[in-house]
Protein backbone atom coordinates (compact mmCIF):
# COMPACT_ATOMS: atom_id res chain seq x y z
CA MET A 1 -59.65 -67.73 -59.80
CA ALA A 2 -60.74 -64.13 -60.27
CA ALA A 3 -64.20 -62.65 -59.84
CA VAL A 4 -65.60 -61.22 -63.06
CA ASN A 5 -67.51 -57.98 -62.50
CA TRP A 6 -69.93 -56.80 -65.18
CA THR A 7 -69.92 -52.99 -65.23
CA ARG A 8 -73.14 -51.09 -65.79
CA GLU A 9 -71.89 -50.23 -69.30
CA ALA A 10 -71.32 -53.90 -70.10
CA MET A 11 -74.75 -54.95 -68.80
CA ASP A 12 -76.48 -52.14 -70.72
CA ARG A 13 -74.71 -53.00 -73.95
CA LEU A 14 -75.53 -56.70 -73.59
CA ARG A 15 -79.19 -55.84 -73.03
CA GLU A 16 -79.17 -53.58 -76.12
CA ILE A 17 -77.62 -56.34 -78.24
CA HIS A 18 -80.28 -58.78 -77.05
CA GLU A 19 -83.12 -56.35 -77.77
CA TYR A 20 -81.81 -55.56 -81.25
CA ILE A 21 -81.36 -59.19 -82.31
CA ALA A 22 -84.65 -60.26 -80.66
CA ILE A 23 -86.60 -58.01 -83.04
CA ASP A 24 -85.94 -60.61 -85.75
CA SER A 25 -85.21 -63.71 -83.68
CA PRO A 26 -85.61 -64.11 -79.93
CA ALA A 27 -83.89 -67.51 -80.09
CA ALA A 28 -80.86 -66.03 -81.87
CA ALA A 29 -80.73 -63.19 -79.34
CA ASN A 30 -80.66 -65.68 -76.47
CA SER A 31 -77.95 -67.70 -78.21
CA VAL A 32 -75.71 -64.68 -78.77
CA VAL A 33 -76.11 -63.45 -75.19
CA ASP A 34 -75.43 -66.94 -73.81
CA GLY A 35 -72.31 -67.18 -75.95
CA ILE A 36 -71.02 -63.78 -74.82
CA GLU A 37 -71.64 -64.65 -71.17
CA ALA A 38 -69.85 -67.99 -71.56
CA LYS A 39 -66.86 -66.33 -73.22
CA VAL A 40 -66.62 -63.73 -70.44
CA ALA A 41 -66.91 -66.46 -67.79
CA LEU A 42 -63.67 -67.99 -69.13
CA LEU A 43 -61.83 -64.95 -67.79
CA ALA A 44 -62.30 -66.10 -64.21
CA ASP A 45 -59.80 -68.92 -64.80
CA HIS A 46 -57.86 -67.35 -67.69
CA PRO A 47 -57.65 -63.58 -67.08
CA ARG A 48 -55.01 -62.99 -69.75
CA LEU A 49 -56.92 -64.91 -72.42
CA GLY A 50 -57.47 -61.81 -74.53
CA GLN A 51 -55.12 -59.62 -76.47
CA ARG A 52 -53.68 -56.52 -74.78
CA TYR A 53 -55.46 -53.30 -75.77
CA GLU A 54 -52.36 -51.27 -76.56
CA LEU A 55 -54.07 -47.87 -76.76
CA ILE A 56 -54.36 -47.84 -72.97
CA ALA A 57 -50.89 -48.14 -71.48
CA ASP A 58 -51.47 -47.19 -67.85
CA ARG A 59 -53.86 -50.07 -67.05
CA GLU A 60 -54.03 -53.69 -68.13
CA VAL A 61 -56.97 -53.57 -70.51
CA ARG A 62 -57.38 -56.57 -72.75
CA GLU A 63 -60.11 -57.75 -75.12
CA ILE A 64 -61.64 -60.99 -76.20
CA ILE A 65 -63.73 -61.62 -79.29
CA PHE A 66 -67.03 -63.45 -79.61
CA GLY A 67 -68.43 -63.56 -83.13
CA HIS A 68 -68.77 -59.94 -84.26
CA TYR A 69 -68.36 -58.57 -80.75
CA ARG A 70 -65.34 -57.12 -78.96
CA ILE A 71 -65.35 -57.44 -75.18
CA PRO A 72 -62.79 -55.21 -73.46
CA TYR A 73 -61.94 -55.91 -69.84
CA LEU A 74 -59.68 -54.56 -67.15
CA ILE A 75 -57.55 -56.76 -64.95
CA ALA A 76 -58.04 -54.68 -61.81
CA ASN A 77 -55.94 -57.08 -59.72
CA GLU A 78 -55.35 -60.81 -59.49
CA SER A 79 -58.73 -61.39 -57.86
CA ARG A 80 -60.98 -59.03 -59.90
CA ILE A 81 -61.69 -58.50 -63.58
CA ASP A 82 -64.02 -55.75 -64.80
CA ASN A 83 -65.89 -56.34 -68.04
CA LEU A 84 -65.92 -52.84 -69.58
CA GLY A 85 -68.48 -53.43 -72.31
CA VAL A 86 -69.64 -55.46 -75.28
CA PHE A 87 -69.24 -53.72 -78.63
CA HIS A 88 -70.00 -54.68 -82.19
CA GLY A 89 -66.74 -55.00 -84.13
CA ALA A 90 -67.72 -52.16 -86.47
CA MET A 91 -67.96 -49.67 -83.58
CA ASP A 92 -65.15 -47.33 -82.61
CA ILE A 93 -64.73 -48.39 -78.99
CA GLU A 94 -61.87 -46.00 -78.23
CA ARG A 95 -64.21 -43.24 -77.07
CA TYR A 96 -65.74 -45.61 -74.51
CA LEU A 97 -62.47 -46.81 -73.04
CA LYS A 98 -60.65 -43.56 -72.31
């Protein structure tokens, strides 16, 4: 079992997603955030759950999908996974992952 570390970027993005959705529906915002957190938690037991992010070849960066959101993560080693962010699928995440 690996420890899943939420980077500052990932926590900030999750907070921004919550704030944006909560403008129209606080309940929906809570539901989306809970779903994202649950999906990321799966990585502790299944670190290679996501698809390999091929644009980064020198590190094992993978991504999982939750709804409209892409969640890239780095397998730092067998005992630690770093969640790199939470991005809406329409965003160009390449500039954040270099």
